[in-house]
């Protein structure tokens, strides 16, 4: 799985030793990991780099989640067929984090 993030979110991930994603903000009811690297790169490159709150930088993180746990979430297609993501309710993110296998790694970076 992949997760496009800005600088602030990456800093919070780093603070956990690259083990968990930070809690969602009250205005963010869903945590959405994406299933396609190209889609994650598109978000990081085209959206995060334009956002001052993201520090005008976008990163793509890669991580694995235990299969039996992740299978509880239905794949959502949110545009083109490659725009596939999971919608994890914010209140389930802590449990989701507990099923991450290994470390969250940064695999690419984009700057404005």
PDB file of N, CA and C in Angstrom:
ATOM      1  N   UNK A   1       0.830  -1.166   0.000  1.00  0.00           N
ATOM      2  CA  UNK A   1       0.000   0.000   0.000  1.00  0.00           C
ATOM      3  C   UNK A   1       0.876   1.230   0.000  1.00  0.00           C
ATOM      4  N   UNK A   2       0.248   2.344  -0.374  1.00  0.00           N
ATOM      5  CA  UNK A   2       0.971   3.597  -0.477  1.00  0.00           C
ATOM      6  C   UNK A   2       0.145   4.700   0.181  1.00  0.00           C
ATOM      7  N   UNK A   3       0.841   5.722   0.647  1.00  0.00           N
ATOM      8  CA  UNK A   3       0.157   6.865   1.238  1.00  0.00           C
ATOM      9  C   UNK A   3       0.929   8.119   0.850  1.00  0.00           C
ATOM     10  N   UNK A   4       0.304   9.004   0.055  1.00  0.00           N
ATOM     11  CA  UNK A   4       0.946  10.288  -0.240  1.00  0.00           C
ATOM     12  C   UNK A   4       0.795  11.208   0.971  1.00  0.00           C
ATOM     13  N   UNK A   5       1.872  11.872   1.349  1.00  0.00           N
ATOM     14  CA  UNK A   5       1.847  12.748   2.519  1.00  0.00           C
ATOM     15  C   UNK A   5       2.640  14.018   2.238  1.00  0.00           C
ATOM     16  N   UNK A   6       2.331  15.058   3.000  1.00  0.00           N
ATOM     17  CA  UNK A   6       3.108  16.285   2.986  1.00  0.00           C
ATOM     18  C   UNK A   6       4.151  16.252   4.090  1.00  0.00           C
ATOM     19  N   UNK A   7       4.868  17.365   4.243  1.00  0.00           N
ATOM     20  CA  UNK A   7       5.968  17.412   5.205  1.00  0.00           C
ATOM     21  C   UNK A   7       5.496  17.228   6.646  1.00  0.00           C
ATOM     22  N   UNK A   8       4.410  17.895   7.020  1.00  0.00           N
ATOM     23  CA  UNK A   8       3.945  17.807   8.413  1.00  0.00           C
ATOM     24  C   UNK A   8       3.574  16.375   8.779  1.00  0.00           C
ATOM     25  N   UNK A   9       2.860  15.681   7.875  1.00  0.00           N
ATOM     26  CA  UNK A   9       2.475  14.302   8.171  1.00  0.00           C
ATOM     27  C   UNK A   9       3.701  13.392   8.205  1.00  0.00           C
ATOM     28  N   UNK A  10       4.649  13.627   7.310  1.00  0.00           N
ATOM     29  CA  UNK A  10       5.864  12.816   7.325  1.00  0.00           C
ATOM     30  C   UNK A  10       6.634  13.014   8.637  1.00  0.00           C
ATOM     31  N   UNK A  11       6.685  14.247   9.117  1.00  0.00           N
ATOM     32  CA  UNK A  11       7.369  14.499  10.396  1.00  0.00           C
ATOM     33  C   UNK A  11       6.722  13.707  11.533  1.00  0.00           C
ATOM     34  N   UNK A  12       5.399  13.624  11.531  1.00  0.00           N
ATOM     35  CA  UNK A  12       4.695  12.859  12.577  1.00  0.00           C
ATOM     36  C   UNK A  12       4.958  11.359  12.435  1.00  0.00           C
ATOM     37  N   UNK A  13       5.034  10.875  11.207  1.00  0.00           N
ATOM     38  CA  UNK A  13       5.354   9.458  10.969  1.00  0.00           C
ATOM     39  C   UNK A  13       6.777   9.168  11.447  1.00  0.00           C
ATOM     40  N   UNK A  14       7.687  10.061  11.110  1.00  0.00           N
ATOM     41  CA  UNK A  14       9.089   9.891  11.522  1.00  0.00           C
ATOM     42  C   UNK A  14       9.210   9.859  13.051  1.00  0.00           C
ATOM     43  N   UNK A  15       8.413  10.673  13.726  1.00  0.00           N
ATOM     44  CA  UNK A  15       8.457  10.726  15.195  1.00  0.00           C
ATOM     45  C   UNK A  15       8.077   9.394  15.829  1.00  0.00           C
ATOM     46  N   UNK A  16       7.371   8.528  15.091  1.00  0.00           N
ATOM     47  CA  UNK A  16       7.010   7.203  15.614  1.00  0.00           C
ATOM     48  C   UNK A  16       8.027   6.140  15.197  1.00  0.00           C
ATOM     49  N   UNK A  17       9.128   6.569  14.606  1.00  0.00           N
ATOM     50  CA  UNK A  17      10.107   5.604  14.111  1.00  0.00           C
ATOM     51  C   UNK A  17       9.617   4.902  12.852  1.00  0.00           C
ATOM     52  N   UNK A  18       8.775   5.597  12.101  1.00  0.00           N
ATOM     53  CA  UNK A  18       8.194   5.078  10.857  1.00  0.00           C
ATOM     54  C   UNK A  18       7.372   3.809  11.105  1.00  0.00           C
ATOM     55  N   UNK A  19       6.632   3.831  12.231  1.00  0.00           N
ATOM     56  CA  UNK A  19       5.821   2.670  12.594  1.00  0.00           C
ATOM     57  C   UNK A  19       4.321   2.898  12.437  1.00  0.00           C
ATOM     58  N   UNK A  20       3.857   4.151  12.562  1.00  0.00           N
ATOM     59  CA  UNK A  20       2.415   4.410  12.511  1.00  0.00           C
ATOM     60  C   UNK A  20       2.119   5.722  11.801  1.00  0.00           C
ATOM     61  N   UNK A  21       0.864   5.837  11.368  1.00  0.00           N
ATOM     62  CA  UNK A  21       0.362   7.080  10.795  1.00  0.00           C
ATOM     63  C   UNK A  21      -0.307   7.877  11.907  1.00  0.00           C
ATOM     64  N   UNK A  22      -0.227   9.211  11.844  1.00  0.00           N
ATOM     65  CA  UNK A  22      -0.800  10.033  12.910  1.00  0.00           C
ATOM     66  C   UNK A  22      -2.326  10.035  12.877  1.00  0.00           C
ATOM     67  N   UNK A  23      -2.933  10.323  14.022  1.00  0.00           N
ATOM     68  CA  UNK A  23      -4.398  10.412  14.057  1.00  0.00           C
ATOM     69  C   UNK A  23      -4.891  11.450  13.050  1.00  0.00           C
ATOM     70  N   UNK A  24      -6.087  11.256  12.586  1.00  0.00           N
ATOM     71  CA  UNK A  24      -6.700  12.191  11.658  1.00  0.00           C
ATOM     72  C   UNK A  24      -7.151  13.439  12.409  1.00  0.00           C
ATOM     73  N   UNK A  25      -7.218  14.541  11.707  1.00  0.00           N
ATOM     74  CA  UNK A  25      -7.748  15.775  12.277  1.00  0.00           C
ATOM     75  C   UNK A  25      -9.277  15.674  12.322  1.00  0.00           C
ATOM     76  N   UNK A  26      -9.927  16.464  13.152  1.00  0.00           N
ATOM     77  CA  UNK A  26     -11.398  16.393  13.236  1.00  0.00           C
ATOM     78  C   UNK A  26     -12.102  16.581  11.884  1.00  0.00           C
ATOM     79  N   UNK A  27     -11.498  17.316  10.973  1.00  0.00           N
ATOM     80  CA  UNK A  27     -12.119  17.531   9.657  1.00  0.00           C
ATOM     81  C   UNK A  27     -11.774  16.425   8.665  1.00  0.00           C
ATOM     82  N   UNK A  28     -11.053  15.399   9.119  1.00  0.00           N
ATOM     83  CA  UNK A  28     -10.628  14.292   8.260  1.00  0.00           C
ATOM     84  C   UNK A  28     -11.224  12.981   8.781  1.00  0.00           C
ATOM     85  N   UNK A  29     -12.423  12.636   8.351  1.00  0.00           N
ATOM     86  CA  UNK A  29     -13.081  11.447   8.889  1.00  0.00           C
ATOM     87  C   UNK A  29     -12.556  10.123   8.342  1.00  0.00           C
ATOM     88  N   UNK A  30     -11.724  10.193   7.297  1.00  0.00           N
ATOM     89  CA  UNK A  30     -11.258   8.960   6.647  1.00  0.00           C
ATOM     90  C   UNK A  30      -9.749   9.016   6.440  1.00  0.00           C
ATOM     91  N   UNK A  31      -9.100   7.894   6.694  1.00  0.00           N
ATOM     92  CA  UNK A  31      -7.698   7.681   6.318  1.00  0.00           C
ATOM     93  C   UNK A  31      -7.739   6.847   5.049  1.00  0.00           C
ATOM     94  N   UNK A  32      -7.087   7.307   3.996  1.00  0.00           N
ATOM     95  CA  UNK A  32      -7.193   6.572   2.743  1.00  0.00           C
ATOM     96  C   UNK A  32      -5.826   6.191   2.168  1.00  0.00           C
ATOM     97  N   UNK A  33      -5.372   4.986   2.456  1.00  0.00           N
ATOM     98  CA  UNK A  33      -4.199   4.476   1.755  1.00  0.00           C
ATOM     99  C   UNK A  33      -4.597   4.119   0.326  1.00  0.00           C
ATOM    100  N   UNK A  34      -3.664   4.292  -0.606  1.00  0.00           N
ATOM    101  CA  UNK A  34      -3.965   3.977  -2.002  1.00  0.00           C
ATOM    102  C   UNK A  34      -3.243   2.697  -2.400  1.00  0.00           C
ATOM    103  N   UNK A  35      -3.754   2.056  -3.432  1.00  0.00           N
ATOM    104  CA  UNK A  35      -3.276   0.725  -3.804  1.00  0.00           C
ATOM    105  C   UNK A  35      -2.378   0.723  -5.038  1.00  0.00           C
ATOM    106  N   UNK A  36      -2.146   1.879  -5.619  1.00  0.00           N
ATOM    107  CA  UNK A  36      -1.367   1.963  -6.850  1.00  0.00           C
ATOM    108  C   UNK A  36      -0.282   3.025  -6.677  1.00  0.00           C
ATOM    109  N   UNK A  37       0.957   2.666  -6.888  1.00  0.00           N
ATOM    110  CA  UNK A  37       2.054   3.609  -6.692  1.00  0.00           C
ATOM    111  C   UNK A  37       1.932   4.818  -7.605  1.00  0.00           C
ATOM    112  N   UNK A  38       1.554   4.621  -8.853  1.00  0.00           N
ATOM    113  CA  UNK A  38       1.431   5.745  -9.788  1.00  0.00           C
ATOM    114  C   UNK A  38       0.369   6.739  -9.309  1.00  0.00           C
ATOM    115  N   UNK A  39      -0.715   6.229  -8.750  1.00  0.00           N
ATOM    116  CA  UNK A  39      -1.755   7.098  -8.211  1.00  0.00           C
ATOM    117  C   UNK A  39      -1.223   7.878  -7.007  1.00  0.00           C
ATOM    118  N   UNK A  40      -0.498   7.223  -6.123  1.00  0.00           N
ATOM    119  CA  UNK A  40       0.093   7.900  -4.970  1.00  0.00           C
ATOM    120  C   UNK A  40       1.069   8.979  -5.421  1.00  0.00           C
ATOM    121  N   UNK A  41       1.853   8.688  -6.444  1.00  0.00           N
ATOM    122  CA  UNK A  41       2.788   9.686  -6.979  1.00  0.00           C
ATOM    123  C   UNK A  41       2.034  10.869  -7.576  1.00  0.00           C
ATOM    124  N   UNK A  42       0.937  10.600  -8.253  1.00  0.00           N
ATOM    125  CA  UNK A  42       0.130  11.668  -8.841  1.00  0.00           C
ATOM    126  C   UNK A  42      -0.377  12.617  -7.742  1.00  0.00           C
ATOM    127  N   UNK A  43      -0.879  12.068  -6.658  1.00  0.00           N
ATOM    128  CA  UNK A  43      -1.373  12.896  -5.550  1.00  0.00           C
ATOM    129  C   UNK A  43      -0.224  13.705  -4.943  1.00  0.00           C
ATOM    130  N   UNK A  44       0.884  13.041  -4.640  1.00  0.00           N
ATOM    131  CA  UNK A  44       2.024  13.722  -4.013  1.00  0.00           C
ATOM    132  C   UNK A  44       2.575  14.819  -4.922  1.00  0.00           C
ATOM    133  N   UNK A  45       2.687  14.537  -6.197  1.00  0.00           N
ATOM    134  CA  UNK A  45       3.272  15.481  -7.163  1.00  0.00           C
ATOM    135  C   UNK A  45       2.310  16.617  -7.503  1.00  0.00           C
ATOM    136  N   UNK A  46       1.043  16.275  -7.773  1.00  0.00           N
ATOM    137  CA  UNK A  46       0.108  17.262  -8.308  1.00  0.00           C
ATOM    138  C   UNK A  46      -0.689  18.005  -7.242  1.00  0.00           C
ATOM    139  N   UNK A  47      -0.856  17.423  -6.057  1.00  0.00           N
ATOM    140  CA  UNK A  47      -1.659  18.073  -5.025  1.00  0.00           C
ATOM    141  C   UNK A  47      -0.815  18.554  -3.861  1.00  0.00           C
ATOM    142  N   UNK A  48      -0.005  17.676  -3.275  1.00  0.00           N
ATOM    143  CA  UNK A  48       0.767  18.066  -2.094  1.00  0.00           C
ATOM    144  C   UNK A  48       1.748  19.198  -2.399  1.00  0.00           C
ATOM    145  N   UNK A  49       2.357  19.189  -3.565  1.00  0.00           N
ATOM    146  CA  UNK A  49       3.348  20.226  -3.869  1.00  0.00           C
ATOM    147  C   UNK A  49       2.718  21.597  -4.071  1.00  0.00           C
ATOM    148  N   UNK A  50       1.415  21.655  -4.289  1.00  0.00           N
ATOM    149  CA  UNK A  50       0.716  22.938  -4.449  1.00  0.00           C
ATOM    150  C   UNK A  50       0.133  23.455  -3.140  1.00  0.00           C
ATOM    151  N   UNK A  51       0.231  22.670  -2.098  1.00  0.00           N
ATOM    152  CA  UNK A  51      -0.418  22.965  -0.824  1.00  0.00           C
ATOM    153  C   UNK A  51       0.593  23.511   0.185  1.00  0.00           C
ATOM    154  N   UNK A  52       0.379  24.752   0.615  1.00  0.00           N
ATOM    155  CA  UNK A  52       1.279  25.347   1.604  1.00  0.00           C
ATOM    156  C   UNK A  52       1.286  24.544   2.900  1.00  0.00           C
ATOM    157  N   UNK A  53       0.128  23.992   3.287  1.00  0.00           N
ATOM    158  CA  UNK A  53       0.052  23.195   4.515  1.00  0.00           C
ATOM    159  C   UNK A  53       0.909  21.930   4.412  1.00  0.00           C
ATOM    160  N   UNK A  54       1.169  21.465   3.203  1.00  0.00           N
ATOM    161  CA  UNK A  54       2.030  20.292   2.991  1.00  0.00           C
ATOM    162  C   UNK A  54       3.488  20.681   2.829  1.00  0.00           C
ATOM    163  N   UNK A  55       3.767  21.976   2.937  1.00  0.00           N
ATOM    164  CA  UNK A  55       5.137  22.448   2.790  1.00  0.00           C
ATOM    165  C   UNK A  55       5.593  22.487   1.341  1.00  0.00           C
ATOM    166  N   UNK A  56       4.638  22.468   0.414  1.00  0.00           N
ATOM    167  CA  UNK A  56       4.935  22.438  -1.021  1.00  0.00           C
ATOM    168  C   UNK A  56       5.857  21.275  -1.388  1.00  0.00           C
ATOM    169  N   UNK A  57       5.708  20.193  -0.644  1.00  0.00           N
ATOM    170  CA  UNK A  57       6.472  18.982  -0.919  1.00  0.00           C
ATOM    171  C   UNK A  57       5.527  17.795  -0.748  1.00  0.00           C
ATOM    172  N   UNK A  58       5.725  16.794  -1.568  1.00  0.00           N
ATOM    173  CA  UNK A  58       4.921  15.585  -1.461  1.00  0.00           C
ATOM    174  C   UNK A  58       5.821  14.368  -1.403  1.00  0.00           C
ATOM    175  N   UNK A  59       5.486  13.453  -0.545  1.00  0.00           N
ATOM    176  CA  UNK A  59       6.221  12.203  -0.406  1.00  0.00           C
ATOM    177  C   UNK A  59       5.258  11.052  -0.668  1.00  0.00           C
ATOM    178  N   UNK A  60       5.799   9.951  -1.133  1.00  0.00           N
ATOM    179  CA  UNK A  60       5.027   8.722  -1.229  1.00  0.00           C
ATOM    180  C   UNK A  60       5.637   7.745  -0.248  1.00  0.00           C
ATOM    181  N   UNK A  61       4.785   7.246   0.643  1.00  0.00           N
ATOM    182  CA  UNK A  61       5.222   6.220   1.578  1.00  0.00           C
ATOM    183  C   UNK A  61       4.671   4.876   1.121  1.00  0.00           C
ATOM    184  N   UNK A  62       5.403   3.827   1.470  1.00  0.00           N
ATOM    185  CA  UNK A  62       4.975   2.453   1.154  1.00  0.00           C
ATOM    186  C   UNK A  62       4.993   1.667   2.452  1.00  0.00           C
ATOM    187  N   UNK A  63       3.996   0.800   2.598  1.00  0.00           N
ATOM    188  CA  UNK A  63       3.907  -0.004   3.816  1.00  0.00           C
ATOM    189  C   UNK A  63       3.038  -1.221   3.532  1.00  0.00           C
ATOM    190  N   UNK A  64       3.106  -2.178   4.428  1.00  0.00           N
ATOM    191  CA  UNK A  64       2.304  -3.397   4.315  1.00  0.00           C
ATOM    192  C   UNK A  64       1.409  -3.527   5.536  1.00  0.00           C
ATOM    193  N   UNK A  65       0.228  -4.075   5.308  1.00  0.00           N
ATOM    194  CA  UNK A  65      -0.721  -4.331   6.392  1.00  0.00           C
ATOM    195  C   UNK A  65      -1.112  -5.800   6.307  1.00  0.00           C
ATOM    196  N   UNK A  66      -1.233  -6.441   7.453  1.00  0.00           N
ATOM    197  CA  UNK A  66      -1.605  -7.856   7.495  1.00  0.00           C
ATOM    198  C   UNK A  66      -2.880  -8.094   6.684  1.00  0.00           C
ATOM    199  N   UNK A  67      -2.828  -9.042   5.789  1.00  0.00           N
ATOM    200  CA  UNK A  67      -3.921  -9.309   4.850  1.00  0.00           C
ATOM    201  C   UNK A  67      -5.271  -9.601   5.513  1.00  0.00           C
ATOM    202  N   UNK A  68      -5.341 -10.465   6.494  1.00  0.00           N
ATOM    203  CA  UNK A  68      -6.667 -10.734   7.073  1.00  0.00           C
ATOM    204  C   UNK A  68      -7.337  -9.465   7.607  1.00  0.00           C
ATOM    205  N   UNK A  69      -6.534  -8.560   8.162  1.00  0.00           N
ATOM    206  CA  UNK A  69      -7.107  -7.332   8.699  1.00  0.00           C
ATOM    207  C   UNK A  69      -7.557  -6.393   7.584  1.00  0.00           C
ATOM    208  N   UNK A  70      -6.705  -6.173   6.619  1.00  0.00           N
ATOM    209  CA  UNK A  70      -7.006  -5.199   5.562  1.00  0.00           C
ATOM    210  C   UNK A  70      -8.162  -5.648   4.670  1.00  0.00           C
ATOM    211  N   UNK A  71      -8.418  -6.921   4.617  1.00  0.00           N
ATOM    212  CA  UNK A  71      -9.512  -7.429   3.782  1.00  0.00           C
ATOM    213  C   UNK A  71     -10.888  -6.966   4.262  1.00  0.00           C
ATOM    214  N   UNK A  72     -10.965  -6.426   5.458  1.00  0.00           N
ATOM    215  CA  UNK A  72     -12.260  -5.932   5.949  1.00  0.00           C
ATOM    216  C   UNK A  72     -12.710  -4.661   5.222  1.00  0.00           C
ATOM    217  N   UNK A  73     -11.785  -4.002   4.522  1.00  0.00           N
ATOM    218  CA  UNK A  73     -12.094  -2.749   3.838  1.00  0.00           C
ATOM    219  C   UNK A  73     -12.311  -2.986   2.351  1.00  0.00           C
ATOM    220  N   UNK A  74     -13.397  -2.463   1.846  1.00  0.00           N
ATOM    221  CA  UNK A  74     -13.722  -2.590   0.427  1.00  0.00           C
ATOM    222  C   UNK A  74     -12.894  -1.593  -0.377  1.00  0.00           C
ATOM    223  N   UNK A  75     -12.376  -2.037  -1.505  1.00  0.00           N
ATOM    224  CA  UNK A  75     -11.616  -1.152  -2.393  1.00  0.00           C
ATOM    225  C   UNK A  75     -12.578  -0.143  -3.017  1.00  0.00           C
ATOM    226  N   UNK A  76     -12.199   1.128  -2.947  1.00  0.00           N
ATOM    227  CA  UNK A  76     -12.985   2.210  -3.531  1.00  0.00           C
ATOM    228  C   UNK A  76     -12.261   2.711  -4.782  1.00  0.00           C
ATOM    229  N   UNK A  77     -12.988   2.880  -5.864  1.00  0.00           N
ATOM    230  CA  UNK A  77     -12.435   3.456  -7.096  1.00  0.00           C
ATOM    231  C   UNK A  77     -12.973   4.877  -7.178  1.00  0.00           C
ATOM    232  N   UNK A  78     -12.068   5.854  -7.199  1.00  0.00           N
ATOM    233  CA  UNK A  78     -12.478   7.256  -7.060  1.00  0.00           C
ATOM    234  C   UNK A  78     -12.160   8.096  -8.298  1.00  0.00           C
ATOM    235  N   UNK A  79     -12.230   7.509  -9.435  1.00  0.00           N
ATOM    236  CA  UNK A  79     -11.933   8.213 -10.686  1.00  0.00           C
ATOM    237  C   UNK A  79     -11.584   7.182 -11.733  1.00  0.00           C
ATOM    238  N   UNK A  80     -10.383   7.291 -12.251  1.00  0.00           N
ATOM    239  CA  UNK A  80      -9.909   6.296 -13.211  1.00  0.00           C
ATOM    240  C   UNK A  80      -9.763   4.944 -12.514  1.00  0.00           C
ATOM    241  N   UNK A  81      -9.711   3.896 -13.284  1.00  0.00           N
ATOM    242  CA  UNK A  81      -9.656   2.546 -12.709  1.00  0.00           C
ATOM    243  C   UNK A  81      -8.429   2.333 -11.821  1.00  0.00           C
ATOM    244  N   UNK A  82      -7.368   3.076 -12.045  1.00  0.00           N
ATOM    245  CA  UNK A  82      -6.175   2.919 -11.198  1.00  0.00           C
ATOM    246  C   UNK A  82      -6.255   3.742  -9.917  1.00  0.00           C
ATOM    247  N   UNK A  83      -7.283   4.557  -9.767  1.00  0.00           N
ATOM    248  CA  UNK A  83      -7.461   5.379  -8.572  1.00  0.00           C
ATOM    249  C   UNK A  83      -8.194   4.575  -7.501  1.00  0.00           C
ATOM    250  N   UNK A  84      -7.471   3.577  -6.977  1.00  0.00           N
ATOM    251  CA  UNK A  84      -8.044   2.663  -5.990  1.00  0.00           C
ATOM    252  C   UNK A  84      -7.476   2.973  -4.616  1.00  0.00           C
ATOM    253  N   UNK A  85      -8.365   3.014  -3.649  1.00  0.00           N
ATOM    254  CA  UNK A  85      -7.948   3.299  -2.285  1.00  0.00           C
ATOM    255  C   UNK A  85      -8.867   2.579  -1.302  1.00  0.00           C
ATOM    256  N   UNK A  86      -8.411   2.503  -0.078  1.00  0.00           N
ATOM    257  CA  UNK A  86      -9.237   1.975   1.002  1.00  0.00           C
ATOM    258  C   UNK A  86      -9.703   3.164   1.833  1.00  0.00           C
ATOM    259  N   UNK A  87     -10.911   3.062   2.353  1.00  0.00           N
ATOM    260  CA  UNK A  87     -11.418   4.108   3.235  1.00  0.00           C
ATOM    261  C   UNK A  87     -11.495   3.542   4.635  1.00  0.00           C
ATOM    262  N   UNK A  88     -10.559   3.973   5.456  1.00  0.00           N
ATOM    263  CA  UNK A  88     -10.481   3.524   6.840  1.00  0.00           C
ATOM    264  C   UNK A  88     -11.058   4.640   7.720  1.00  0.00           C
ATOM    265  N   UNK A  89     -12.149   4.396   8.424  1.00  0.00           N
ATOM    266  CA  UNK A  89     -12.697   5.426   9.308  1.00  0.00           C
ATOM    267  C   UNK A  89     -11.636   5.890  10.305  1.00  0.00           C
ATOM    268  N   UNK A  90     -11.601   7.172  10.555  1.00  0.00           N
ATOM    269  CA  UNK A  90     -10.588   7.751  11.444  1.00  0.00           C
ATOM    270  C   UNK A  90     -10.529   7.048  12.789  1.00  0.00           C
ATOM    271  N   UNK A  91     -11.691   6.629  13.299  1.00  0.00           N
ATOM    272  CA  UNK A  91     -11.706   5.989  14.618  1.00  0.00           C
ATOM    273  C   UNK A  91     -11.099   4.581  14.583  1.00  0.00           C
ATOM    274  N   UNK A  92     -10.808   4.046  13.396  1.00  0.00           N
ATOM    275  CA  UNK A  92     -10.174   2.731  13.268  1.00  0.00           C
ATOM    276  C   UNK A  92      -8.682   2.810  12.926  1.00  0.00           C
ATOM    277  N   UNK A  93      -8.168   4.031  12.796  1.00  0.00           N
ATOM    278  CA  UNK A  93      -6.776   4.184  12.375  1.00  0.00           C
ATOM    279  C   UNK A  93      -5.792   3.581  13.371  1.00  0.00           C
ATOM    280  N   UNK A  94      -6.044   3.732  14.658  1.00  0.00           N
ATOM    281  CA  UNK A  94      -5.133   3.157  15.653  1.00  0.00           C
ATOM    282  C   UNK A  94      -5.055   1.638  15.494  1.00  0.00           C
ATOM    283  N   UNK A  95      -6.193   1.000  15.295  1.00  0.00           N
ATOM    284  CA  UNK A  95      -6.208  -0.448  15.085  1.00  0.00           C
ATOM    285  C   UNK A  95      -5.513  -0.802  13.767  1.00  0.00           C
ATOM    286  N   UNK A  96      -5.763  -0.023  12.721  1.00  0.00           N
ATOM    287  CA  UNK A  96      -5.105  -0.210  11.427  1.00  0.00           C
ATOM    288  C   UNK A  96      -3.585  -0.149  11.612  1.00  0.00           C
ATOM    289  N   UNK A  97      -3.118   0.889  12.327  1.00  0.00           N
ATOM    290  CA  UNK A  97      -1.679   1.031  12.591  1.00  0.00           C
ATOM    291  C   UNK A  97      -1.107  -0.201  13.285  1.00  0.00           C
ATOM    292  N   UNK A  98      -1.896  -0.820  14.141  1.00  0.00           N
ATOM    293  CA  UNK A  98      -1.438  -2.005  14.860  1.00  0.00           C
ATOM    294  C   UNK A  98      -1.235  -3.223  13.970  1.00  0.00           C
ATOM    295  N   UNK A  99      -1.739  -3.157  12.746  1.00  0.00           N
ATOM    296  CA  UNK A  99      -1.592  -4.266  11.806  1.00  0.00           C
ATOM    297  C   UNK A  99      -0.592  -3.976  10.691  1.00  0.00           C
ATOM    298  N   UNK A 100       0.125  -2.841  10.797  1.00  0.00           N
ATOM    299  CA  UNK A 100       1.185  -2.559   9.827  1.00  0.00           C
ATOM    300  C   UNK A 100       2.325  -3.530  10.083  1.00  0.00           C
ATOM    301  N   UNK A 101       2.813  -4.139   9.029  1.00  0.00           N
ATOM    302  CA  UNK A 101       3.893  -5.117   9.105  1.00  0.00           C
ATOM    303  C   UNK A 101       5.182  -4.425   8.664  1.00  0.00           C
ATOM    304  N   UNK A 102       6.141  -4.322   9.574  1.00  0.00           N
ATOM    305  CA  UNK A 102       7.402  -3.665   9.240  1.00  0.00           C
ATOM    306  C   UNK A 102       7.269  -2.156   9.336  1.00  0.00           C
ATOM    307  N   UNK A 103       8.201  -1.468   8.694  1.00  0.00           N
ATOM    308  CA  UNK A 103       8.265  -0.010   8.771  1.00  0.00           C
ATOM    309  C   UNK A 103       7.568   0.641   7.578  1.00  0.00           C
ATOM    310  N   UNK A 104       7.154   1.860   7.797  1.00  0.00           N
ATOM    311  CA  UNK A 104       6.660   2.711   6.720  1.00  0.00           C
ATOM    312  C   UNK A 104       7.895   3.315   6.073  1.00  0.00           C
ATOM    313  N   UNK A 105       7.994   3.219   4.765  1.00  0.00           N
ATOM    314  CA  UNK A 105       9.192   3.761   4.096  1.00  0.00           C
ATOM    315  C   UNK A 105       8.813   4.828   3.094  1.00  0.00           C
ATOM    316  N   UNK A 106       9.681   5.823   2.943  1.00  0.00           N
ATOM    317  CA  UNK A 106       9.514   6.862   1.943  1.00  0.00           C
ATOM    318  C   UNK A 106      10.181   6.366   0.669  1.00  0.00           C
ATOM    319  N   UNK A 107       9.401   6.342  -0.426  1.00  0.00           N
ATOM    320  CA  UNK A 107       9.966   5.820  -1.668  1.00  0.00           C
ATOM    321  C   UNK A 107      10.181   6.884  -2.737  1.00  0.00           C
ATOM    322  N   UNK A 108       9.554   8.056  -2.596  1.00  0.00           N
ATOM    323  CA  UNK A 108       9.864   9.152  -3.503  1.00  0.00           C
ATOM    324  C   UNK A 108       9.399  10.470  -2.925  1.00  0.00           C
ATOM    325  N   UNK A 109       9.936  11.556  -3.500  1.00  0.00           N
ATOM    326  CA  UNK A 109       9.668  12.905  -3.019  1.00  0.00           C
ATOM    327  C   UNK A 109       9.498  13.818  -4.227  1.00  0.00           C
ATOM    328  N   UNK A 110       8.581  14.770  -4.098  1.00  0.00           N
ATOM    329  CA  UNK A 110       8.346  15.779  -5.142  1.00  0.00           C
ATOM    330  C   UNK A 110       8.339  17.145  -4.481  1.00  0.00           C
ATOM    331  N   UNK A 111       8.928  18.131  -5.149  1.00  0.00           N
ATOM    332  CA  UNK A 111       8.939  19.512  -4.642  1.00  0.00           C
ATOM    333  C   UNK A 111       8.343  20.431  -5.697  1.00  0.00           C
ATOM    334  N   UNK A 112       7.750  21.518  -5.185  1.00  0.00           N
ATOM    335  CA  UNK A 112       7.155  22.508  -6.094  1.00  0.00           C
ATOM    336  C   UNK A 112       8.247  23.236  -6.854  1.00  0.00           C
TER     337      UNK A 112
END
